[in-house]
Amino acid sequence: MTPLLALSRLIDKITTGIGRFTMWLILATTLISAGNALVRKIFNIGSNSLLEIQWYLFAAVFLLGAGYGFLRNSHVRIDFIATKLSARTRNWIDIIGIVLVLVPFCSISINLGWAFFLQAYLSGEMSQNAGGLIRWPVYFLIPAGFALLLMQSTSELIKRVAFLRGVGHDVLSGEDAKSDDQKNAEALEAQLAKDLAGAK
């Protein structure tokens, strides 16, 4: 199990790096969007290529960042039911979901997305808009994003099996299981309680 846990840590490190990169893509998307809007309003000049870059970057954020979302436990989950279950049951549910749903879905998406990308690349597909961009880079994001999600699902599967075998900690409970939003909300709640106690 030790080599698998080392692999899991390596995958998590790669996913974290890609996740941080996608955060910068959000900034780039925002700046391009704002700049494009300003130029259009002030100088009455529009650019289809800038509009398309915006949605290329937007697609990159979601497709490349999906694995990071899984790592950070920020994906949609039915927490009000899961909290009533034992740690072992929650981990078994995740294992079944990863093996029976996520892995097949990612595999199919990679296969279909690769064919879609390859067809666009070989044909030199371009945007139908004047001044538009080539299409294959954004189509490549589909298999790349699902490959990264599949890679992270492998890491998550290793962690859950390690917990069930008693050689790893439970990533579905405690601080590891909380999303960044949950942690921020708890920190704000604690600060508010502290401020209210200090005001009395």
N, C-alpha and C. Protein backbone atom coordinates (compact mmCIF):
# COMPACT_ATOMS: atom_id res chain seq x y z
N MET A 1 0.82 -1.20 0.00
CA MET A 1 0.00 0.00 0.00
C MET A 1 0.86 1.26 0.00
N THR A 2 2.08 1.17 0.55
CA THR A 2 2.96 2.35 0.63
C THR A 2 3.29 2.93 -0.74
N PRO A 3 3.65 2.10 -1.75
CA PRO A 3 3.90 2.68 -3.08
C PRO A 3 2.67 3.36 -3.67
N LEU A 4 1.49 2.79 -3.42
CA LEU A 4 0.26 3.40 -3.93
C LEU A 4 -0.02 4.73 -3.24
N LEU A 5 0.24 4.81 -1.94
CA LEU A 5 0.05 6.08 -1.23
C LEU A 5 1.05 7.12 -1.72
N ALA A 6 2.26 6.69 -2.07
CA ALA A 6 3.25 7.61 -2.64
C ALA A 6 2.77 8.11 -4.00
N LEU A 7 2.19 7.22 -4.80
CA LEU A 7 1.62 7.60 -6.09
C LEU A 7 0.48 8.60 -5.87
N SER A 8 -0.36 8.34 -4.88
CA SER A 8 -1.47 9.23 -4.57
C SER A 8 -0.97 10.63 -4.22
N ARG A 9 0.08 10.69 -3.40
CA ARG A 9 0.65 12.00 -3.03
C ARG A 9 1.21 12.72 -4.25
N LEU A 10 1.85 11.98 -5.15
CA LEU A 10 2.39 12.58 -6.38
C LEU A 10 1.26 13.13 -7.25
N ILE A 11 0.21 12.34 -7.42
CA ILE A 11 -0.95 12.80 -8.20
C ILE A 11 -1.54 14.05 -7.56
N ASP A 12 -1.69 14.06 -6.24
CA ASP A 12 -2.24 15.23 -5.54
C ASP A 12 -1.38 16.46 -5.78
N LYS A 13 -0.06 16.27 -5.80
CA LYS A 13 0.86 17.39 -6.03
C LYS A 13 0.68 17.95 -7.44
N ILE A 14 0.58 17.06 -8.43
CA ILE A 14 0.38 17.48 -9.82
C ILE A 14 -0.96 18.20 -9.95
N THR A 15 -2.00 17.62 -9.36
CA THR A 15 -3.34 18.21 -9.42
C THR A 15 -3.36 19.59 -8.77
N THR A 16 -2.66 19.73 -7.65
CA THR A 16 -2.60 21.03 -6.97
C THR A 16 -1.92 22.07 -7.86
N GLY A 17 -0.84 21.68 -8.51
CA GLY A 17 -0.16 22.61 -9.43
C GLY A 17 -1.06 23.05 -10.57
N ILE A 18 -1.78 22.11 -11.15
CA ILE A 18 -2.70 22.44 -12.24
C ILE A 18 -3.85 23.29 -11.71
N GLY A 19 -4.33 22.98 -10.51
CA GLY A 19 -5.40 23.78 -9.90
C GLY A 19 -4.97 25.22 -9.69
N ARG A 20 -3.75 25.42 -9.23
CA ARG A 20 -3.25 26.79 -9.03
C ARG A 20 -3.11 27.52 -10.36
N PHE A 21 -2.69 26.79 -11.40
CA PHE A 21 -2.60 27.38 -12.73
C PHE A 21 -3.98 27.84 -13.21
N THR A 22 -5.01 27.01 -12.97
CA THR A 22 -6.35 27.40 -13.43
C THR A 22 -6.87 28.62 -12.68
N MET A 23 -6.41 28.83 -11.45
CA MET A 23 -6.80 30.05 -10.74
C MET A 23 -6.32 31.29 -11.48
N TRP A 24 -5.12 31.21 -12.04
CA TRP A 24 -4.60 32.34 -12.82
C TRP A 24 -5.39 32.51 -14.12
N LEU A 25 -5.91 31.41 -14.66
CA LEU A 25 -6.74 31.52 -15.86
C LEU A 25 -8.02 32.30 -15.58
N ILE A 26 -8.53 32.19 -14.36
CA ILE A 26 -9.72 32.97 -13.99
C ILE A 26 -9.40 34.46 -14.06
N LEU A 27 -8.24 34.84 -13.53
CA LEU A 27 -7.81 36.24 -13.60
C LEU A 27 -7.65 36.68 -15.05
N ALA A 28 -7.00 35.85 -15.86
CA ALA A 28 -6.81 36.19 -17.28
C ALA A 28 -8.15 36.36 -17.99
N THR A 29 -9.08 35.46 -17.72
CA THR A 29 -10.41 35.56 -18.32
C THR A 29 -11.10 36.85 -17.94
N THR A 30 -11.01 37.21 -16.67
CA THR A 30 -11.64 38.44 -16.17
C THR A 30 -11.02 39.67 -16.82
N LEU A 31 -9.69 39.71 -16.90
CA LEU A 31 -9.01 40.87 -17.49
C LEU A 31 -9.32 41.00 -18.98
N ILE A 32 -9.31 39.89 -19.69
CA ILE A 32 -9.63 39.93 -21.12
C ILE A 32 -11.07 40.37 -21.33
N SER A 33 -11.97 39.85 -20.52
CA SER A 33 -13.39 40.22 -20.63
C SER A 33 -13.59 41.71 -20.37
N ALA A 34 -12.97 42.21 -19.29
CA ALA A 34 -13.11 43.63 -18.96
C ALA A 34 -12.47 44.50 -20.03
N GLY A 35 -11.28 44.11 -20.49
CA GLY A 35 -10.60 44.88 -21.53
C GLY A 35 -11.39 44.91 -22.82
N ASN A 36 -11.94 43.78 -23.20
CA ASN A 36 -12.74 43.69 -24.42
C ASN A 36 -13.98 44.57 -24.31
N ALA A 37 -14.63 44.54 -23.15
CA ALA A 37 -15.83 45.37 -22.95
C ALA A 37 -15.49 46.85 -23.01
N LEU A 38 -14.38 47.25 -22.39
CA LEU A 38 -13.98 48.66 -22.40
C LEU A 38 -13.65 49.13 -23.82
N VAL A 39 -12.89 48.35 -24.55
CA VAL A 39 -12.53 48.72 -25.92
C VAL A 39 -13.77 48.82 -26.79
N ARG A 40 -14.71 47.91 -26.59
CA ARG A 40 -15.94 47.93 -27.38
C ARG A 40 -16.78 49.16 -27.07
N LYS A 41 -16.87 49.54 -25.79
CA LYS A 41 -17.69 50.70 -25.40
C LYS A 41 -17.00 52.02 -25.71
N ILE A 42 -15.70 52.12 -25.45
CA ILE A 42 -15.00 53.39 -25.62
C ILE A 42 -14.65 53.66 -27.08
N PHE A 43 -14.09 52.66 -27.77
CA PHE A 43 -13.62 52.86 -29.14
C PHE A 43 -14.54 52.25 -30.18
N ASN A 44 -15.61 51.60 -29.74
CA ASN A 44 -16.56 50.95 -30.64
C ASN A 44 -15.87 49.92 -31.55
N ILE A 45 -14.93 49.20 -30.96
CA ILE A 45 -14.19 48.16 -31.70
C ILE A 45 -14.43 46.83 -30.99
N GLY A 46 -14.84 45.83 -31.75
CA GLY A 46 -15.05 44.51 -31.17
C GLY A 46 -14.06 43.51 -31.74
N SER A 47 -13.84 42.44 -31.02
CA SER A 47 -12.90 41.41 -31.47
C SER A 47 -13.49 40.03 -31.19
N ASN A 48 -13.79 39.32 -32.26
CA ASN A 48 -14.29 37.95 -32.10
C ASN A 48 -13.24 37.04 -31.46
N SER A 49 -11.98 37.27 -31.81
CA SER A 49 -10.93 36.41 -31.25
C SER A 49 -10.83 36.58 -29.73
N LEU A 50 -11.01 37.82 -29.24
CA LEU A 50 -10.98 38.03 -27.79
C LEU A 50 -12.18 37.38 -27.11
N LEU A 51 -13.34 37.46 -27.76
CA LEU A 51 -14.52 36.80 -27.20
C LEU A 51 -14.31 35.29 -27.13
N GLU A 52 -13.71 34.73 -28.18
CA GLU A 52 -13.48 33.29 -28.20
C GLU A 52 -12.41 32.88 -27.20
N ILE A 53 -11.38 33.71 -27.03
CA ILE A 53 -10.36 33.41 -26.02
C ILE A 53 -11.01 33.33 -24.64
N GLN A 54 -11.98 34.21 -24.38
CA GLN A 54 -12.67 34.20 -23.09
C GLN A 54 -13.31 32.84 -22.84
N TRP A 55 -14.05 32.34 -23.82
CA TRP A 55 -14.71 31.06 -23.55
C TRP A 55 -13.75 29.88 -23.64
N TYR A 56 -12.63 30.02 -24.36
CA TYR A 56 -11.60 28.99 -24.32
C TYR A 56 -11.03 28.89 -22.90
N LEU A 57 -10.72 30.05 -22.32
CA LEU A 57 -10.16 30.08 -20.96
C LEU A 57 -11.19 29.60 -19.94
N PHE A 58 -12.44 29.98 -20.14
CA PHE A 58 -13.52 29.54 -19.25
C PHE A 58 -13.63 28.02 -19.28
N ALA A 59 -13.56 27.45 -20.49
CA ALA A 59 -13.60 25.99 -20.62
C ALA A 59 -12.39 25.36 -19.94
N ALA A 60 -11.22 25.99 -20.09
CA ALA A 60 -10.00 25.46 -19.47
C ALA A 60 -10.12 25.44 -17.96
N VAL A 61 -10.70 26.49 -17.38
CA VAL A 61 -10.85 26.55 -15.93
C VAL A 61 -11.67 25.37 -15.43
N PHE A 62 -12.79 25.11 -16.05
CA PHE A 62 -13.67 24.04 -15.57
C PHE A 62 -13.15 22.65 -15.91
N LEU A 63 -12.63 22.47 -17.11
CA LEU A 63 -12.16 21.14 -17.48
C LEU A 63 -10.85 20.77 -16.79
N LEU A 64 -9.90 21.70 -16.77
CA LEU A 64 -8.61 21.40 -16.13
C LEU A 64 -8.70 21.46 -14.61
N GLY A 65 -9.68 22.21 -14.09
CA GLY A 65 -9.81 22.36 -12.65
C GLY A 65 -10.70 21.34 -11.97
N ALA A 66 -11.33 20.45 -12.74
CA ALA A 66 -12.24 19.46 -12.15
C ALA A 66 -11.52 18.52 -11.19
N GLY A 67 -10.34 18.08 -11.55
CA GLY A 67 -9.57 17.21 -10.67
C GLY A 67 -9.20 17.90 -9.37
N TYR A 68 -8.86 19.19 -9.46
CA TYR A 68 -8.53 19.96 -8.26
C TYR A 68 -9.76 20.10 -7.37
N GLY A 69 -10.92 20.30 -8.00
CA GLY A 69 -12.16 20.36 -7.22
C GLY A 69 -12.42 19.06 -6.47
N PHE A 70 -12.12 17.94 -7.11
CA PHE A 70 -12.28 16.64 -6.46
C PHE A 70 -11.29 16.49 -5.30
N LEU A 71 -10.06 16.90 -5.53
CA LEU A 71 -9.03 16.84 -4.48
C LEU A 71 -9.43 17.67 -3.26
N ARG A 72 -9.96 18.87 -3.50
CA ARG A 72 -10.31 19.80 -2.42
C ARG A 72 -11.70 19.53 -1.85
N ASN A 73 -12.36 18.49 -2.35
CA ASN A 73 -13.68 18.10 -1.87
C ASN A 73 -14.71 19.22 -2.07
N SER A 74 -14.58 19.93 -3.18
CA SER A 74 -15.49 21.05 -3.43
C SER A 74 -16.54 20.72 -4.48
N HIS A 75 -16.67 19.45 -4.82
CA HIS A 75 -17.70 19.03 -5.76
C HIS A 75 -19.03 18.85 -5.02
N VAL A 76 -20.09 18.73 -5.78
CA VAL A 76 -21.43 18.59 -5.19
C VAL A 76 -21.53 17.24 -4.50
N ARG A 77 -22.06 17.27 -3.30
CA ARG A 77 -22.19 16.06 -2.49
C ARG A 77 -23.44 16.22 -1.62
N ILE A 78 -24.07 15.13 -1.27
CA ILE A 78 -25.26 15.19 -0.42
C ILE A 78 -24.81 15.05 1.03
N ASP A 79 -24.28 16.14 1.58
CA ASP A 79 -23.67 16.10 2.91
C ASP A 79 -24.65 15.79 4.03
N PHE A 80 -25.90 16.27 3.91
CA PHE A 80 -26.83 16.06 5.02
C PHE A 80 -27.17 14.58 5.21
N ILE A 81 -27.00 13.78 4.18
CA ILE A 81 -27.19 12.33 4.32
C ILE A 81 -25.87 11.69 4.74
N ALA A 82 -24.78 12.09 4.10
CA ALA A 82 -23.48 11.47 4.37
C ALA A 82 -23.03 11.65 5.81
N THR A 83 -23.38 12.77 6.43
CA THR A 83 -22.94 13.00 7.81
C THR A 83 -23.58 12.03 8.79
N LYS A 84 -24.69 11.43 8.42
CA LYS A 84 -25.37 10.47 9.30
C LYS A 84 -24.79 9.06 9.17
N LEU A 85 -23.94 8.86 8.18
CA LEU A 85 -23.36 7.53 7.93
C LEU A 85 -22.01 7.40 8.62
N SER A 86 -21.60 6.17 8.84
CA SER A 86 -20.27 5.94 9.43
C SER A 86 -19.19 6.27 8.41
N ALA A 87 -17.97 6.47 8.91
CA ALA A 87 -16.84 6.79 8.03
C ALA A 87 -16.60 5.67 7.02
N ARG A 88 -16.69 4.43 7.47
CA ARG A 88 -16.48 3.30 6.57
C ARG A 88 -17.54 3.28 5.46
N THR A 89 -18.79 3.53 5.83
CA THR A 89 -19.87 3.53 4.83
C THR A 89 -19.66 4.64 3.81
N ARG A 90 -19.30 5.84 4.28
CA ARG A 90 -19.05 6.96 3.37
C ARG A 90 -17.92 6.62 2.39
N ASN A 91 -16.88 6.01 2.89
CA ASN A 91 -15.76 5.65 2.02
C ASN A 91 -16.15 4.56 1.03
N TRP A 92 -16.95 3.58 1.47
CA TRP A 92 -17.44 2.55 0.55
C TRP A 92 -18.31 3.16 -0.54
N ILE A 93 -19.17 4.10 -0.17
CA ILE A 93 -20.02 4.77 -1.17
C ILE A 93 -19.16 5.49 -2.20
N ASP A 94 -18.12 6.18 -1.73
CA ASP A 94 -17.22 6.87 -2.65
C ASP A 94 -16.49 5.89 -3.57
N ILE A 95 -16.02 4.79 -3.01
CA ILE A 95 -15.31 3.79 -3.82
C ILE A 95 -16.23 3.26 -4.92
N ILE A 96 -17.46 2.91 -4.55
CA ILE A 96 -18.42 2.41 -5.53
C ILE A 96 -18.71 3.47 -6.59
N GLY A 97 -18.90 4.71 -6.16
CA GLY A 97 -19.16 5.80 -7.10
C GLY A 97 -18.00 6.04 -8.05
N ILE A 98 -16.79 6.01 -7.51
CA ILE A 98 -15.60 6.22 -8.35
C ILE A 98 -15.46 5.10 -9.37
N VAL A 99 -15.59 3.86 -8.90
CA VAL A 99 -15.37 2.71 -9.79
C VAL A 99 -16.50 2.53 -10.81
N LEU A 100 -17.75 2.68 -10.36
CA LEU A 100 -18.88 2.39 -11.25
C LEU A 100 -19.38 3.58 -12.06
N VAL A 101 -19.09 4.80 -11.60
CA VAL A 101 -19.61 5.97 -12.31
C VAL A 101 -18.49 6.84 -12.87
N LEU A 102 -17.61 7.31 -12.00
CA LEU A 102 -16.62 8.30 -12.42
C LEU A 102 -15.59 7.75 -13.41
N VAL A 103 -15.02 6.60 -13.12
CA VAL A 103 -14.01 6.03 -14.02
C VAL A 103 -14.60 5.72 -15.40
N PRO A 104 -15.76 5.04 -15.50
CA PRO A 104 -16.33 4.82 -16.83
C PRO A 104 -16.69 6.12 -17.55
N PHE A 105 -17.26 7.09 -16.81
CA PHE A 105 -17.63 8.36 -17.44
C PHE A 105 -16.40 9.09 -17.98
N CYS A 106 -15.34 9.14 -17.19
CA CYS A 106 -14.11 9.79 -17.64
C CYS A 106 -13.52 9.06 -18.84
N SER A 107 -13.53 7.74 -18.80
CA SER A 107 -12.96 6.95 -19.90
C SER A 107 -13.72 7.19 -21.20
N ILE A 108 -15.03 7.20 -21.13
CA ILE A 108 -15.85 7.47 -22.32
C ILE A 108 -15.61 8.88 -22.82
N SER A 109 -15.56 9.85 -21.90
CA SER A 109 -15.35 11.25 -22.28
C SER A 109 -13.97 11.46 -22.91
N ILE A 110 -12.96 10.78 -22.40
CA ILE A 110 -11.62 10.87 -22.99
C ILE A 110 -11.64 10.31 -24.40
N ASN A 111 -12.24 9.15 -24.57
CA ASN A 111 -12.30 8.49 -25.88
C ASN A 111 -13.04 9.35 -26.90
N LEU A 112 -14.23 9.82 -26.55
CA LEU A 112 -15.01 10.64 -27.47
C LEU A 112 -14.37 12.00 -27.69
N GLY A 113 -13.85 12.59 -26.62
CA GLY A 113 -13.21 13.90 -26.72
C GLY A 113 -11.96 13.86 -27.58
N TRP A 114 -11.20 12.77 -27.48
CA TRP A 114 -9.99 12.64 -28.30
C TRP A 114 -10.35 12.56 -29.79
N ALA A 115 -11.38 11.80 -30.10
CA ALA A 115 -11.82 11.69 -31.50
C ALA A 115 -12.29 13.05 -32.02
N PHE A 116 -13.01 13.78 -31.18
CA PHE A 116 -13.50 15.11 -31.53
C PHE A 116 -12.33 16.06 -31.79
N PHE A 117 -11.34 16.05 -30.89
CA PHE A 117 -10.15 16.88 -31.03
C PHE A 117 -9.38 16.51 -32.30
N LEU A 118 -9.16 15.22 -32.50
CA LEU A 118 -8.36 14.75 -33.64
C LEU A 118 -8.99 15.15 -34.96
N GLN A 119 -10.31 15.04 -35.04
CA GLN A 119 -11.01 15.42 -36.27
C GLN A 119 -10.83 16.92 -36.53
N ALA A 120 -10.96 17.74 -35.50
CA ALA A 120 -10.79 19.19 -35.66
C ALA A 120 -9.35 19.54 -36.02
N TYR A 121 -8.40 18.84 -35.41
CA TYR A 121 -6.98 19.11 -35.67
C TYR A 121 -6.61 18.76 -37.11
N LEU A 122 -7.02 17.57 -37.54
CA LEU A 122 -6.66 17.11 -38.88
C LEU A 122 -7.35 17.92 -39.98
N SER A 123 -8.55 18.41 -39.70
CA SER A 123 -9.27 19.20 -40.70
C SER A 123 -8.92 20.68 -40.64
N GLY A 124 -8.19 21.09 -39.59
CA GLY A 124 -7.84 22.51 -39.44
C GLY A 124 -9.07 23.36 -39.15
N GLU A 125 -10.02 22.80 -38.42
CA GLU A 125 -11.28 23.49 -38.15
C GLU A 125 -11.06 24.87 -37.53
N MET A 126 -11.75 25.84 -38.09
CA MET A 126 -11.66 27.23 -37.63
C MET A 126 -13.04 27.69 -37.17
N SER A 127 -13.04 28.76 -36.41
CA SER A 127 -14.29 29.38 -36.00
C SER A 127 -15.02 29.90 -37.24
N GLN A 128 -16.34 29.89 -37.20
CA GLN A 128 -17.12 30.42 -38.31
C GLN A 128 -17.22 31.94 -38.25
N ASN A 129 -16.82 32.52 -37.12
CA ASN A 129 -16.87 33.98 -36.96
C ASN A 129 -15.65 34.62 -37.63
N ALA A 130 -15.85 35.80 -38.19
CA ALA A 130 -14.75 36.54 -38.79
C ALA A 130 -13.72 36.87 -37.71
N GLY A 131 -12.47 36.56 -37.99
CA GLY A 131 -11.42 36.83 -37.01
C GLY A 131 -11.40 35.83 -35.87
N GLY A 132 -12.13 34.73 -36.03
CA GLY A 132 -12.19 33.72 -34.97
C GLY A 132 -10.93 32.87 -34.91
N LEU A 133 -10.88 32.00 -33.94
CA LEU A 133 -9.69 31.19 -33.67
C LEU A 133 -9.82 29.77 -34.19
N ILE A 134 -8.70 29.07 -34.21
CA ILE A 134 -8.74 27.64 -34.52
C ILE A 134 -9.44 26.92 -33.37
N ARG A 135 -10.10 25.83 -33.69
CA ARG A 135 -10.93 25.15 -32.69
C ARG A 135 -10.22 24.04 -31.91
N TRP A 136 -9.21 23.39 -32.52
CA TRP A 136 -8.66 22.20 -31.87
C TRP A 136 -8.11 22.44 -30.47
N PRO A 137 -7.52 23.60 -30.13
CA PRO A 137 -7.02 23.74 -28.75
C PRO A 137 -8.11 23.60 -27.69
N VAL A 138 -9.28 24.17 -27.96
CA VAL A 138 -10.35 24.06 -26.97
C VAL A 138 -10.94 22.65 -26.96
N TYR A 139 -10.94 21.99 -28.11
CA TYR A 139 -11.41 20.60 -28.14
C TYR A 139 -10.44 19.67 -27.41
N PHE A 140 -9.15 20.01 -27.43
CA PHE A 140 -8.16 19.21 -26.72
C PHE A 140 -8.39 19.25 -25.21
N LEU A 141 -8.98 20.34 -24.73
CA LEU A 141 -9.25 20.47 -23.29
C LEU A 141 -10.20 19.38 -22.79
N ILE A 142 -11.05 18.86 -23.66
CA ILE A 142 -12.02 17.84 -23.24
C ILE A 142 -11.31 16.56 -22.80
N PRO A 143 -10.52 15.91 -23.67
CA PRO A 143 -9.83 14.71 -23.18
C PRO A 143 -8.79 15.02 -22.10
N ALA A 144 -8.14 16.17 -22.19
CA ALA A 144 -7.13 16.52 -21.17
C ALA A 144 -7.78 16.69 -19.81
N GLY A 145 -8.89 17.41 -19.76
CA GLY A 145 -9.58 17.64 -18.49
C GLY A 145 -10.09 16.35 -17.87
N PHE A 146 -10.68 15.49 -18.68
CA PHE A 146 -11.19 14.22 -18.14
C PHE A 146 -10.06 13.27 -17.78
N ALA A 147 -8.92 13.35 -18.47
CA ALA A 147 -7.76 12.54 -18.09
C ALA A 147 -7.24 12.98 -16.72
N LEU A 148 -7.22 14.30 -16.48
CA LEU A 148 -6.78 14.80 -15.17
C LEU A 148 -7.77 14.39 -14.07
N LEU A 149 -9.06 14.44 -14.38
CA LEU A 149 -10.06 14.01 -13.41
C LEU A 149 -9.93 12.50 -13.13
N LEU A 150 -9.68 11.72 -14.17
CA LEU A 150 -9.47 10.28 -14.00
C LEU A 150 -8.23 10.01 -13.15
N MET A 151 -7.18 10.78 -13.40
CA MET A 151 -5.95 10.63 -12.61
C MET A 151 -6.23 10.93 -11.14
N GLN A 152 -6.98 12.01 -10.87
CA GLN A 152 -7.28 12.36 -9.48
C GLN A 152 -8.23 11.35 -8.85
N SER A 153 -9.13 10.78 -9.65
CA SER A 153 -10.03 9.76 -9.09
C SER A 153 -9.23 8.53 -8.67
N THR A 154 -8.14 8.24 -9.36
CA THR A 154 -7.25 7.14 -8.96
C THR A 154 -6.65 7.43 -7.59
N SER A 155 -6.19 8.66 -7.41
CA SER A 155 -5.63 9.06 -6.12
C SER A 155 -6.66 8.96 -5.01
N GLU A 156 -7.87 9.44 -5.28
CA GLU A 156 -8.93 9.41 -4.26
C GLU A 156 -9.32 7.97 -3.93
N LEU A 157 -9.33 7.11 -4.93
CA LEU A 157 -9.63 5.69 -4.71
C LEU A 157 -8.56 5.06 -3.81
N ILE A 158 -7.31 5.36 -4.07
CA ILE A 158 -6.21 4.84 -3.24
C ILE A 158 -6.39 5.29 -1.79
N LYS A 159 -6.72 6.56 -1.59
CA LYS A 159 -6.87 7.09 -0.22
C LYS A 159 -8.02 6.42 0.52
N ARG A 160 -9.11 6.17 -0.18
CA ARG A 160 -10.26 5.54 0.48
C ARG A 160 -9.99 4.08 0.82
N VAL A 161 -9.34 3.37 -0.09
CA VAL A 161 -8.97 1.98 0.19
C VAL A 161 -7.97 1.92 1.34
N ALA A 162 -7.03 2.85 1.36
CA ALA A 162 -6.03 2.90 2.45
C ALA A 162 -6.72 3.10 3.79
N PHE A 163 -7.73 3.97 3.82
CA PHE A 163 -8.47 4.19 5.07
C PHE A 163 -9.17 2.91 5.51
N LEU A 164 -9.83 2.24 4.58
CA LEU A 164 -10.56 1.01 4.91
C LEU A 164 -9.62 -0.10 5.38
N ARG A 165 -8.39 -0.08 4.89
CA ARG A 165 -7.40 -1.08 5.32
C ARG A 165 -6.67 -0.67 6.59
N GLY A 166 -6.98 0.53 7.08
CA GLY A 166 -6.37 0.99 8.33
C GLY A 166 -4.98 1.58 8.20
N VAL A 167 -4.58 1.94 6.98
CA VAL A 167 -3.24 2.51 6.78
C VAL A 167 -3.26 3.96 6.32
N GLY A 168 -4.44 4.55 6.28
CA GLY A 168 -4.56 5.95 5.87
C GLY A 168 -5.63 6.63 6.69
N HIS A 169 -5.65 7.96 6.62
CA HIS A 169 -6.67 8.69 7.37
C HIS A 169 -7.91 8.89 6.50
N ASP A 170 -9.00 9.23 7.14
CA ASP A 170 -10.28 9.43 6.46
C ASP A 170 -10.32 10.82 5.85
N VAL A 171 -10.24 10.90 4.53
CA VAL A 171 -10.27 12.20 3.86
C VAL A 171 -11.68 12.77 3.78
N LEU A 172 -12.67 11.99 4.20
CA LEU A 172 -14.06 12.44 4.14
C LEU A 172 -14.56 13.00 5.46
N SER A 173 -13.70 13.08 6.46
CA SER A 173 -14.13 13.66 7.73
C SER A 173 -13.03 14.58 8.24
N GLY A 174 -13.39 15.46 9.12
CA GLY A 174 -12.43 16.39 9.68
C GLY A 174 -12.12 17.53 8.72
N GLU A 175 -10.98 18.15 8.93
CA GLU A 175 -10.60 19.33 8.14
C GLU A 175 -10.38 19.01 6.67
N ASP A 176 -9.90 17.80 6.37
CA ASP A 176 -9.65 17.43 4.98
C ASP A 176 -10.93 17.42 4.15
N ALA A 177 -12.05 17.08 4.78
CA ALA A 177 -13.30 16.93 4.05
C ALA A 177 -13.99 18.26 3.79
N LYS A 178 -13.59 19.30 4.50
CA LYS A 178 -14.26 20.59 4.36
C LYS A 178 -13.75 21.32 3.13
N SER A 179 -14.70 21.90 2.40
CA SER A 179 -14.32 22.72 1.25
C SER A 179 -13.77 24.04 1.76
N ASP A 180 -13.13 24.78 0.87
CA ASP A 180 -12.60 26.09 1.26
C ASP A 180 -13.72 27.01 1.72
N ASP A 181 -14.89 26.91 1.08
CA ASP A 181 -16.03 27.74 1.48
C ASP A 181 -16.49 27.40 2.89
N GLN A 182 -16.52 26.11 3.22
CA GLN A 182 -16.91 25.71 4.58
C GLN A 182 -15.91 26.23 5.60
N LYS A 183 -14.62 26.12 5.28
CA LYS A 183 -13.59 26.62 6.20
C LYS A 183 -13.70 28.12 6.39
N ASN A 184 -13.93 28.85 5.29
CA ASN A 184 -14.09 30.31 5.38
C ASN A 184 -15.32 30.68 6.20
N ALA A 185 -16.43 29.96 5.99
CA ALA A 185 -17.66 30.24 6.74
C ALA A 185 -17.44 30.00 8.23
N GLU A 186 -16.76 28.91 8.57
CA GLU A 186 -16.48 28.62 9.98
C GLU A 186 -15.56 29.66 10.60
N ALA A 187 -14.57 30.12 9.83
CA ALA A 187 -13.65 31.15 10.34
C ALA A 187 -14.40 32.47 10.57
N LEU A 188 -15.28 32.83 9.64
CA LEU A 188 -16.08 34.05 9.81
C LEU A 188 -17.03 33.94 10.99
N GLU A 189 -17.63 32.76 11.15
CA GLU A 189 -18.53 32.52 12.28
C GLU A 189 -17.78 32.63 13.61
N ALA A 190 -16.58 32.07 13.66
CA ALA A 190 -15.77 32.15 14.88
C ALA A 190 -15.36 33.59 15.17
N GLN A 191 -14.99 34.33 14.11
CA GLN A 191 -14.60 35.73 14.28
C GLN A 191 -15.78 36.57 14.75
N LEU A 192 -16.96 36.31 14.20
CA LEU A 192 -18.16 37.04 14.60
C LEU A 192 -18.49 36.75 16.06
N ALA A 193 -18.40 35.49 16.47
CA ALA A 193 -18.66 35.13 17.87
C ALA A 193 -17.65 35.81 18.79
N LYS A 194 -16.40 35.86 18.37
CA LYS A 194 -15.35 36.52 19.16
C LYS A 194 -15.62 38.02 19.27
N ASP A 195 -16.02 38.64 18.15
CA ASP A 195 -16.32 40.07 18.16
C ASP A 195 -17.52 40.39 19.04
N LEU A 196 -18.53 39.52 18.98
CA LEU A 196 -19.72 39.74 19.81
C LEU A 196 -19.40 39.56 21.28
N ALA A 197 -18.55 38.58 21.60
CA ALA A 197 -18.15 38.36 22.99
C ALA A 197 -17.31 39.53 23.50
N GLY A 198 -16.48 40.10 22.63
CA GLY A 198 -15.65 41.24 23.02
C GLY A 198 -16.45 42.51 23.19
N ALA A 199 -17.59 42.61 22.49
CA ALA A 199 -18.42 43.82 22.57
C ALA A 199 -19.24 43.86 23.85
N LYS A 200 -19.40 42.74 24.53
CA LYS A 200 -20.23 42.69 25.74
C LYS A 200 -19.51 43.16 26.95
